[in-house]
PDB file of N, CA and C in Angstrom:
ATOM      1  N   MET A   1       0.933  -1.302   0.127  1.00  0.00           N
ATOM      2  CA  MET A   1       0.085  -0.161  -0.091  1.00  0.00           C
ATOM      3  C   MET A   1       0.806   1.172   0.096  1.00  0.00           C
ATOM      4  N   ASN A   2       0.638   2.025  -0.929  1.00  0.00           N
ATOM      5  CA  ASN A   2       1.610   3.390  -0.834  1.00  0.00           C
ATOM      6  C   ASN A   2       0.493   4.299   0.012  1.00  0.00           C
ATOM      7  N   LEU A   3       1.185   4.607   0.729  1.00  0.00           N
ATOM      8  CA  LEU A   3       0.439   6.027   1.852  1.00  0.00           C
ATOM      9  C   LEU A   3       1.285   7.447   1.558  1.00  0.00           C
ATOM     10  N   ILE A   4       0.023   8.487   1.191  1.00  0.00           N
ATOM     11  CA  ILE A   4       0.391   9.608   0.844  1.00  0.00           C
ATOM     12  C   ILE A   4      -0.150  10.558   1.586  1.00  0.00           C
ATOM     13  N   GLU A   5       0.540  11.411   1.937  1.00  0.00           N
ATOM     14  CA  GLU A   5      -0.227  12.390   3.006  1.00  0.00           C
ATOM     15  C   GLU A   5      -0.404  13.925   1.914  1.00  0.00           C
ATOM     16  N   ALA A   6      -1.678  14.201   2.371  1.00  0.00           N
ATOM     17  CA  ALA A   6      -2.364  15.262   1.492  1.00  0.00           C
ATOM     18  C   ALA A   6      -2.927  16.162   2.226  1.00  0.00           C
ATOM     19  N   LYS A   7      -3.228  17.364   1.749  1.00  0.00           N
ATOM     20  CA  LYS A   7      -3.806  18.491   2.385  1.00  0.00           C
ATOM     21  C   LYS A   7      -5.350  18.742   1.887  1.00  0.00           C
ATOM     22  N   PRO A   8      -6.232  19.021   2.752  1.00  0.00           N
ATOM     23  CA  PRO A   8      -7.616  19.163   2.324  1.00  0.00           C
ATOM     24  C   PRO A   8      -7.717  20.212   1.256  1.00  0.00           C
ATOM     25  N   ASP A   9      -8.484  20.192   0.381  1.00  0.00           N
ATOM     26  CA  ASP A   9      -8.671  21.337  -0.203  1.00  0.00           C
ATOM     27  C   ASP A   9     -10.030  20.921  -1.388  1.00  0.00           C
ATOM     28  N   ASP A  10     -10.863  22.046  -0.592  1.00  0.00           N
ATOM     29  CA  ASP A  10     -12.355  22.327  -1.038  1.00  0.00           C
ATOM     30  C   ASP A  10     -13.027  20.987  -1.184  1.00  0.00           C
ATOM     31  N   GLY A  11     -12.905  20.111  -0.144  1.00  0.00           N
ATOM     32  CA  GLY A  11     -13.608  18.675  -0.264  1.00  0.00           C
ATOM     33  C   GLY A  11     -12.820  17.753  -0.715  1.00  0.00           C
ATOM     34  N   ASN A  12     -11.516  17.760  -1.383  1.00  0.00           N
ATOM     35  CA  ASN A  12     -10.794  17.226  -1.934  1.00  0.00           C
ATOM     36  C   ASN A  12      -9.406  16.939  -1.422  1.00  0.00           C
ATOM     37  N   ALA A  13      -8.412  16.075  -1.521  1.00  0.00           N
ATOM     38  CA  ALA A  13      -7.146  15.962  -1.179  1.00  0.00           C
ATOM     39  C   ALA A  13      -6.077  16.478  -2.086  1.00  0.00           C
ATOM     40  N   ASN A  14      -5.161  17.290  -1.895  1.00  0.00           N
ATOM     41  CA  ASN A  14      -4.199  17.893  -2.710  1.00  0.00           C
ATOM     42  C   ASN A  14      -2.784  17.368  -2.622  1.00  0.00           C
ATOM     43  N   VAL A  15      -2.181  16.791  -3.267  1.00  0.00           N
ATOM     44  CA  VAL A  15      -0.989  16.024  -3.485  1.00  0.00           C
ATOM     45  C   VAL A  15      -0.073  16.697  -4.168  1.00  0.00           C
ATOM     46  N   GLY A  16       0.544  17.578  -3.920  1.00  0.00           N
ATOM     47  CA  GLY A  16       1.734  18.397  -4.625  1.00  0.00           C
ATOM     48  C   GLY A  16       0.975  18.838  -5.876  1.00  0.00           C
ATOM     49  N   GLY A  17      -0.453  19.473  -5.652  1.00  0.00           N
ATOM     50  CA  GLY A  17      -1.020  20.391  -6.655  1.00  0.00           C
ATOM     51  C   GLY A  17      -1.766  19.564  -7.652  1.00  0.00           C
ATOM     52  N   TYR A  18      -1.688  18.277  -7.585  1.00  0.00           N
ATOM     53  CA  TYR A  18      -2.578  17.223  -8.130  1.00  0.00           C
ATOM     54  C   TYR A  18      -3.896  17.073  -7.071  1.00  0.00           C
ATOM     55  N   ILE A  19      -5.300  17.273  -7.714  1.00  0.00           N
ATOM     56  CA  ILE A  19      -6.010  17.069  -6.860  1.00  0.00           C
ATOM     57  C   ILE A  19      -6.832  15.549  -7.025  1.00  0.00           C
ATOM     58  N   ILE A  20      -7.215  14.856  -5.741  1.00  0.00           N
ATOM     59  CA  ILE A  20      -7.824  13.585  -5.782  1.00  0.00           C
ATOM     60  C   ILE A  20      -9.238  14.006  -5.027  1.00  0.00           C
ATOM     61  N   PRO A  21     -10.230  13.565  -5.531  1.00  0.00           N
ATOM     62  CA  PRO A  21     -11.532  13.264  -4.645  1.00  0.00           C
ATOM     63  C   PRO A  21     -11.474  12.367  -3.732  1.00  0.00           C
ATOM     64  N   VAL A  22     -11.910  12.700  -2.563  1.00  0.00           N
ATOM     65  CA  VAL A  22     -12.305  11.975  -1.400  1.00  0.00           C
ATOM     66  C   VAL A  22     -13.636  11.576  -0.828  1.00  0.00           C
ATOM     67  N   THR A  23     -13.943  10.726  -0.081  1.00  0.00           N
ATOM     68  CA  THR A  23     -15.223  10.582  -0.068  1.00  0.00           C
ATOM     69  C   THR A  23     -15.735  11.599   0.812  1.00  0.00           C
ATOM     70  N   PRO A  24     -16.804  12.245   0.758  1.00  0.00           N
ATOM     71  CA  PRO A  24     -17.348  13.307   1.632  1.00  0.00           C
ATOM     72  C   PRO A  24     -17.321  13.053   3.080  1.00  0.00           C
ATOM     73  N   ALA A  25     -16.805  13.884   4.079  1.00  0.00           N
ATOM     74  CA  ALA A  25     -16.883  13.374   5.495  1.00  0.00           C
ATOM     75  C   ALA A  25     -17.361  14.871   6.176  1.00  0.00           C
ATOM     76  N   SER A  26     -18.103  14.779   7.327  1.00  0.00           N
ATOM     77  CA  SER A  26     -18.398  15.986   8.068  1.00  0.00           C
ATOM     78  C   SER A  26     -17.375  17.245   8.205  1.00  0.00           C
ATOM     79  N   ALA A  27     -16.392  16.397   8.496  1.00  0.00           N
ATOM     80  CA  ALA A  27     -15.060  17.336   9.015  1.00  0.00           C
ATOM     81  C   ALA A  27     -13.646  17.011   8.178  1.00  0.00           C
ATOM     82  N   LEU A  28     -12.909  17.516   7.497  1.00  0.00           N
ATOM     83  CA  LEU A  28     -11.748  16.588   7.310  1.00  0.00           C
ATOM     84  C   LEU A  28     -10.692  17.454   8.094  1.00  0.00           C
ATOM     85  N   PRO A  29      -9.814  16.727   8.609  1.00  0.00           N
ATOM     86  CA  PRO A  29      -8.349  16.861   9.175  1.00  0.00           C
ATOM     87  C   PRO A  29      -7.421  18.068   8.408  1.00  0.00           C
ATOM     88  N   GLU A  30      -6.394  18.355   9.025  1.00  0.00           N
ATOM     89  CA  GLU A  30      -5.650  19.262   8.723  1.00  0.00           C
ATOM     90  C   GLU A  30      -4.674  18.737   7.555  1.00  0.00           C
ATOM     91  N   ARG A  31      -4.660  17.505   8.101  1.00  0.00           N
ATOM     92  CA  ARG A  31      -3.797  16.381   6.926  1.00  0.00           C
ATOM     93  C   ARG A  31      -4.253  15.241   6.617  1.00  0.00           C
ATOM     94  N   LEU A  32      -4.169  14.774   5.781  1.00  0.00           N
ATOM     95  CA  LEU A  32      -5.269  13.235   5.370  1.00  0.00           C
ATOM     96  C   LEU A  32      -3.955  12.371   4.932  1.00  0.00           C
ATOM     97  N   THR A  33      -4.005  11.115   5.053  1.00  0.00           N
ATOM     98  CA  THR A  33      -3.292  10.069   4.550  1.00  0.00           C
ATOM     99  C   THR A  33      -4.298   9.273   3.490  1.00  0.00           C
ATOM    100  N   ILE A  34      -3.812   9.263   2.454  1.00  0.00           N
ATOM    101  CA  ILE A  34      -4.578   8.530   1.415  1.00  0.00           C
ATOM    102  C   ILE A  34      -3.788   7.221   1.129  1.00  0.00           C
ATOM    103  N   GLY A  35      -4.353   5.909   0.898  1.00  0.00           N
ATOM    104  CA  GLY A  35      -3.655   4.726   0.676  1.00  0.00           C
ATOM    105  C   GLY A  35      -4.220   4.552  -0.780  1.00  0.00           C
ATOM    106  N   VAL A  36      -3.122   4.217  -1.637  1.00  0.00           N
ATOM    107  CA  VAL A  36      -3.414   3.908  -3.110  1.00  0.00           C
ATOM    108  C   VAL A  36      -2.503   2.260  -3.176  1.00  0.00           C
ATOM    109  N   ARG A  37      -3.642   1.739  -3.757  1.00  0.00           N
ATOM    110  CA  ARG A  37      -2.918   0.222  -3.900  1.00  0.00           C
ATOM    111  C   ARG A  37      -2.101   0.226  -5.083  1.00  0.00           C
ATOM    112  N   PRO A  38      -0.983  -0.611  -5.081  1.00  0.00           N
ATOM    113  CA  PRO A  38      -0.318  -0.807  -6.463  1.00  0.00           C
ATOM    114  C   PRO A  38      -0.896  -1.237  -7.383  1.00  0.00           C
ATOM    115  N   GLU A  39      -1.863  -1.848  -7.758  1.00  0.00           N
ATOM    116  CA  GLU A  39      -2.590  -1.859  -8.889  1.00  0.00           C
ATOM    117  C   GLU A  39      -3.494  -0.930  -9.384  1.00  0.00           C
ATOM    118  N   ALA A  40      -3.768  -0.121  -8.323  1.00  0.00           N
ATOM    119  CA  ALA A  40      -4.466   1.000  -8.930  1.00  0.00           C
ATOM    120  C   ALA A  40      -4.080   2.103  -9.596  1.00  0.00           C
ATOM    121  N   TRP A  41      -2.570   2.301  -9.778  1.00  0.00           N
ATOM    122  CA  TRP A  41      -1.935   3.634 -10.641  1.00  0.00           C
ATOM    123  C   TRP A  41      -2.166   3.232 -11.905  1.00  0.00           C
ATOM    124  N   ARG A  42      -2.494   4.352 -12.757  1.00  0.00           N
ATOM    125  CA  ARG A  42      -2.268   4.233 -13.990  1.00  0.00           C
ATOM    126  C   ARG A  42      -1.108   5.235 -14.531  1.00  0.00           C
ATOM    127  N   ILE A  43      -0.353   4.412 -15.541  1.00  0.00           N
ATOM    128  CA  ILE A  43       0.780   5.118 -15.617  1.00  0.00           C
ATOM    129  C   ILE A  43       0.367   5.902 -17.183  1.00  0.00           C
ATOM    130  N   VAL A  44       0.734   7.097 -17.093  1.00  0.00           N
ATOM    131  CA  VAL A  44       0.323   8.114 -18.413  1.00  0.00           C
ATOM    132  C   VAL A  44       1.628   8.835 -18.544  1.00  0.00           C
ATOM    133  N   SER A  45       1.669   9.620 -19.858  1.00  0.00           N
ATOM    134  CA  SER A  45       2.716  10.366 -20.224  1.00  0.00           C
ATOM    135  C   SER A  45       2.676  11.685 -19.503  1.00  0.00           C
ATOM    136  N   ALA A  46       4.020  12.242 -19.587  1.00  0.00           N
ATOM    137  CA  ALA A  46       4.083  13.791 -19.098  1.00  0.00           C
ATOM    138  C   ALA A  46       2.936  14.760 -19.111  1.00  0.00           C
ATOM    139  N   HIS A  47       2.510  14.697 -20.696  1.00  0.00           N
ATOM    140  CA  HIS A  47       1.814  15.879 -21.138  1.00  0.00           C
ATOM    141  C   HIS A  47       0.194  15.617 -20.485  1.00  0.00           C
ATOM    142  N   GLU A  48      -0.276  14.222 -20.012  1.00  0.00           N
ATOM    143  CA  GLU A  48      -1.482  13.872 -19.401  1.00  0.00           C
ATOM    144  C   GLU A  48      -1.666  14.397 -18.063  1.00  0.00           C
ATOM    145  N   GLY A  49      -0.528  14.729 -17.192  1.00  0.00           N
ATOM    146  CA  GLY A  49      -0.688  15.250 -16.074  1.00  0.00           C
ATOM    147  C   GLY A  49      -0.437  14.066 -15.003  1.00  0.00           C
ATOM    148  N   GLY A  50      -0.690  14.235 -13.971  1.00  0.00           N
ATOM    149  CA  GLY A  50      -0.815  13.490 -12.904  1.00  0.00           C
ATOM    150  C   GLY A  50       0.566  13.678 -11.797  1.00  0.00           C
ATOM    151  N   LEU A  51       1.075  12.718 -10.913  1.00  0.00           N
ATOM    152  CA  LEU A  51       1.965  12.892 -10.148  1.00  0.00           C
ATOM    153  C   LEU A  51       3.266  12.352 -10.944  1.00  0.00           C
ATOM    154  N   PRO A  52       4.292  13.322 -11.273  1.00  0.00           N
ATOM    155  CA  PRO A  52       5.512  12.614 -11.576  1.00  0.00           C
ATOM    156  C   PRO A  52       6.213  11.823 -10.898  1.00  0.00           C
ATOM    157  N   ILE A  53       6.513  10.703 -11.459  1.00  0.00           N
ATOM    158  CA  ILE A  53       7.382   9.691 -10.683  1.00  0.00           C
ATOM    159  C   ILE A  53       8.401   9.138 -11.603  1.00  0.00           C
ATOM    160  N   ASP A  54       9.511   9.289 -10.604  1.00  0.00           N
ATOM    161  CA  ASP A  54      10.919   8.899 -11.269  1.00  0.00           C
ATOM    162  C   ASP A  54      10.838   7.461 -11.056  1.00  0.00           C
ATOM    163  N   ILE A  55      11.237   6.748 -11.990  1.00  0.00           N
ATOM    164  CA  ILE A  55      11.288   5.129 -11.741  1.00  0.00           C
ATOM    165  C   ILE A  55      12.604   4.705 -11.464  1.00  0.00           C
ATOM    166  N   ASN A  56      12.856   3.897 -10.293  1.00  0.00           N
ATOM    167  CA  ASN A  56      13.870   3.438 -10.047  1.00  0.00           C
ATOM    168  C   ASN A  56      14.420   2.223 -10.546  1.00  0.00           C
ATOM    169  N   VAL A  57      13.455   1.182 -10.277  1.00  0.00           N
ATOM    170  CA  VAL A  57      13.601  -0.278 -10.577  1.00  0.00           C
ATOM    171  C   VAL A  57      12.057  -0.678 -11.146  1.00  0.00           C
ATOM    172  N   ILE A  58      12.250  -1.729 -12.166  1.00  0.00           N
ATOM    173  CA  ILE A  58      11.301  -2.569 -12.657  1.00  0.00           C
ATOM    174  C   ILE A  58      11.672  -3.897 -12.262  1.00  0.00           C
ATOM    175  N   GLU A  59      10.812  -4.454 -11.515  1.00  0.00           N
ATOM    176  CA  GLU A  59      11.148  -6.041 -11.057  1.00  0.00           C
ATOM    177  C   GLU A  59       9.917  -6.758 -11.657  1.00  0.00           C
ATOM    178  N   ALA A  60      10.502  -7.520 -12.976  1.00  0.00           N
ATOM    179  CA  ALA A  60       9.342  -8.342 -13.662  1.00  0.00           C
ATOM    180  C   ALA A  60       9.393  -9.820 -12.581  1.00  0.00           C
ATOM    181  N   LEU A  61       8.008 -10.068 -12.529  1.00  0.00           N
ATOM    182  CA  LEU A  61       7.929 -11.355 -11.661  1.00  0.00           C
ATOM    183  C   LEU A  61       6.905 -12.377 -12.689  1.00  0.00           C
ATOM    184  N   GLY A  62       7.227 -12.569 -13.436  1.00  0.00           N
ATOM    185  CA  GLY A  62       6.362 -13.668 -14.261  1.00  0.00           C
ATOM    186  C   GLY A  62       5.127 -12.799 -14.966  1.00  0.00           C
ATOM    187  N   SER A  63       3.881 -12.970 -14.492  1.00  0.00           N
ATOM    188  CA  SER A  63       2.927 -12.309 -14.856  1.00  0.00           C
ATOM    189  C   SER A  63       2.649 -10.942 -14.568  1.00  0.00           C
ATOM    190  N   ASP A  64       2.992 -10.577 -13.617  1.00  0.00           N
ATOM    191  CA  ASP A  64       3.262  -8.810 -12.940  1.00  0.00           C
ATOM    192  C   ASP A  64       4.610  -8.637 -13.046  1.00  0.00           C
ATOM    193  N   SER A  65       4.554  -7.189 -12.990  1.00  0.00           N
ATOM    194  CA  SER A  65       5.606  -6.038 -12.831  1.00  0.00           C
ATOM    195  C   SER A  65       5.794  -5.318 -11.846  1.00  0.00           C
ATOM    196  N   PHE A  66       6.508  -5.163 -10.793  1.00  0.00           N
ATOM    197  CA  PHE A  66       6.412  -3.816  -9.780  1.00  0.00           C
ATOM    198  C   PHE A  66       7.400  -3.024 -10.309  1.00  0.00           C
ATOM    199  N   VAL A  67       6.810  -1.738 -10.398  1.00  0.00           N
ATOM    200  CA  VAL A  67       7.613  -0.405 -10.650  1.00  0.00           C
ATOM    201  C   VAL A  67       7.858   0.365  -9.579  1.00  0.00           C
ATOM    202  N   TYR A  68       9.088   0.618  -9.120  1.00  0.00           N
ATOM    203  CA  TYR A  68       9.298   1.306  -7.694  1.00  0.00           C
ATOM    204  C   TYR A  68       9.899   2.475  -8.181  1.00  0.00           C
ATOM    205  N   GLY A  69       9.407   3.473  -7.490  1.00  0.00           N
ATOM    206  CA  GLY A  69       9.831   5.153  -8.010  1.00  0.00           C
ATOM    207  C   GLY A  69       9.690   5.899  -6.851  1.00  0.00           C
ATOM    208  N   SER A  70      10.401   7.420  -7.074  1.00  0.00           N
ATOM    209  CA  SER A  70      10.406   7.992  -6.151  1.00  0.00           C
ATOM    210  C   SER A  70       9.565   9.495  -6.850  1.00  0.00           C
ATOM    211  N   CYS A  71       8.932  10.163  -5.930  1.00  0.00           N
ATOM    212  CA  CYS A  71       8.257  11.560  -6.418  1.00  0.00           C
ATOM    213  C   CYS A  71       8.734  12.610  -5.576  1.00  0.00           C
ATOM    214  N   ALA A  72       8.813  13.568  -6.103  1.00  0.00           N
ATOM    215  CA  ALA A  72       9.460  15.070  -5.409  1.00  0.00           C
ATOM    216  C   ALA A  72       8.040  15.738  -4.800  1.00  0.00           C
ATOM    217  N   ALA A  73       7.000  15.431  -5.071  1.00  0.00           N
ATOM    218  CA  ALA A  73       5.707  16.172  -4.542  1.00  0.00           C
ATOM    219  C   ALA A  73       5.596  16.117  -3.235  1.00  0.00           C
ATOM    220  N   GLU A  74       5.307  17.101  -2.604  1.00  0.00           N
ATOM    221  CA  GLU A  74       5.299  17.198  -0.821  1.00  0.00           C
ATOM    222  C   GLU A  74       4.432  15.976  -0.546  1.00  0.00           C
ATOM    223  N   GLY A  75       4.527  15.153   0.528  1.00  0.00           N
ATOM    224  CA  GLY A  75       3.735  13.987   0.929  1.00  0.00           C
ATOM    225  C   GLY A  75       4.018  12.795   0.430  1.00  0.00           C
ATOM    226  N   VAL A  76       4.733  12.708  -0.898  1.00  0.00           N
ATOM    227  CA  VAL A  76       5.021  11.460  -1.598  1.00  0.00           C
ATOM    228  C   VAL A  76       6.538  11.207  -1.208  1.00  0.00           C
ATOM    229  N   SER A  77       6.885  10.085  -1.000  1.00  0.00           N
ATOM    230  CA  SER A  77       8.410   9.803  -0.854  1.00  0.00           C
ATOM    231  C   SER A  77       8.624   8.558  -1.868  1.00  0.00           C
ATOM    232  N   SER A  78       8.131   7.532  -1.627  1.00  0.00           N
ATOM    233  CA  SER A  78       8.243   6.503  -2.635  1.00  0.00           C
ATOM    234  C   SER A  78       7.014   5.711  -3.031  1.00  0.00           C
ATOM    235  N   THR A  79       6.945   5.176  -4.295  1.00  0.00           N
ATOM    236  CA  THR A  79       5.719   4.385  -4.445  1.00  0.00           C
ATOM    237  C   THR A  79       6.385   3.065  -5.310  1.00  0.00           C
ATOM    238  N   VAL A  80       5.127   2.165  -5.119  1.00  0.00           N
ATOM    239  CA  VAL A  80       5.185   0.968  -5.679  1.00  0.00           C
ATOM    240  C   VAL A  80       3.811   0.869  -6.695  1.00  0.00           C
ATOM    241  N   ILE A  81       4.217   0.518  -7.888  1.00  0.00           N
ATOM    242  CA  ILE A  81       3.172   0.472  -8.622  1.00  0.00           C
ATOM    243  C   ILE A  81       3.097  -0.977  -9.456  1.00  0.00           C
ATOM    244  N   ARG A  82       1.960  -1.975  -9.459  1.00  0.00           N
ATOM    245  CA  ARG A  82       1.840  -3.302 -10.081  1.00  0.00           C
ATOM    246  C   ARG A  82       1.018  -3.084 -11.267  1.00  0.00           C
ATOM    247  N   ARG A  83       1.976  -3.822 -12.191  1.00  0.00           N
ATOM    248  CA  ARG A  83       1.255  -3.698 -13.968  1.00  0.00           C
ATOM    249  C   ARG A  83       1.733  -5.074 -14.418  1.00  0.00           C
ATOM    250  N   PRO A  84       0.540  -5.502 -15.172  1.00  0.00           N
ATOM    251  CA  PRO A  84       0.900  -6.910 -15.674  1.00  0.00           C
ATOM    252  C   PRO A  84       2.332  -6.715 -16.550  1.00  0.00           C
ATOM    253  N   ALA A  85       3.092  -7.584 -16.619  1.00  0.00           N
ATOM    254  CA  ALA A  85       4.290  -7.519 -17.190  1.00  0.00           C
ATOM    255  C   ALA A  85       4.262  -7.188 -18.701  1.00  0.00           C
ATOM    256  N   ARG A  86       3.578  -7.604 -19.359  1.00  0.00           N
ATOM    257  CA  ARG A  86       3.515  -6.980 -21.017  1.00  0.00           C
ATOM    258  C   ARG A  86       3.034  -5.779 -20.961  1.00  0.00           C
ATOM    259  N   ARG A  87       2.721  -5.108 -19.939  1.00  0.00           N
ATOM    260  CA  ARG A  87       2.291  -3.403 -20.105  1.00  0.00           C
ATOM    261  C   ARG A  87       3.407  -2.631 -19.514  1.00  0.00           C
ATOM    262  N   CYS A  88       4.466  -3.343 -19.237  1.00  0.00           N
ATOM    263  CA  CYS A  88       5.817  -2.443 -18.862  1.00  0.00           C
ATOM    264  C   CYS A  88       6.688  -2.138 -19.659  1.00  0.00           C
ATOM    265  N   THR A  89       6.599  -2.585 -20.942  1.00  0.00           N
ATOM    266  CA  THR A  89       7.513  -2.251 -21.993  1.00  0.00           C
ATOM    267  C   THR A  89       7.715  -1.015 -22.383  1.00  0.00           C
ATOM    268  N   GLY A  90       6.583  -0.137 -22.529  1.00  0.00           N
ATOM    269  CA  GLY A  90       6.767   1.182 -22.645  1.00  0.00           C
ATOM    270  C   GLY A  90       7.109   2.215 -21.568  1.00  0.00           C
ATOM    271  N   VAL A  91       7.422   1.527 -20.596  1.00  0.00           N
ATOM    272  CA  VAL A  91       7.920   2.279 -19.337  1.00  0.00           C
ATOM    273  C   VAL A  91       9.292   2.507 -19.342  1.00  0.00           C
ATOM    274  N   ARG A  92       9.905   3.667 -19.276  1.00  0.00           N
ATOM    275  CA  ARG A  92      11.294   4.036 -19.041  1.00  0.00           C
ATOM    276  C   ARG A  92      11.791   4.468 -17.727  1.00  0.00           C
ATOM    277  N   HIS A  93      13.059   4.329 -17.561  1.00  0.00           N
ATOM    278  CA  HIS A  93      13.492   4.657 -16.211  1.00  0.00           C
ATOM    279  C   HIS A  93      14.104   5.945 -16.394  1.00  0.00           C
ATOM    280  N   GLY A  94      13.601   6.773 -15.267  1.00  0.00           N
ATOM    281  CA  GLY A  94      14.005   8.348 -15.109  1.00  0.00           C
ATOM    282  C   GLY A  94      13.102   9.296 -15.571  1.00  0.00           C
ATOM    283  N   ARG A  95      12.799  10.281 -15.870  1.00  0.00           N
ATOM    284  CA  ARG A  95      11.995  11.242 -16.451  1.00  0.00           C
ATOM    285  C   ARG A  95      11.897  11.275 -18.006  1.00  0.00           C
TER     286      ARG A  95
END
């Protein structure tokens, strides 16, 4: 599980300028911790937006690959992304 620190922002969570919708609550705390499962990430190109992740290692494990990376956005230190092995062929290390 990727644990990401975020700030409340008009009923959403703000992670390094990227807005994430959250389930409405009666009162949001000053800081939120958001859990993102490794299989819930979607890898997109830089012009599509999202959080910029620098890929450090791609670990191929048969039918799945785990992509380990780091992010400079506040509240995010490291990430683990699970992808089907055949879908990691276009993923490149670095930015």
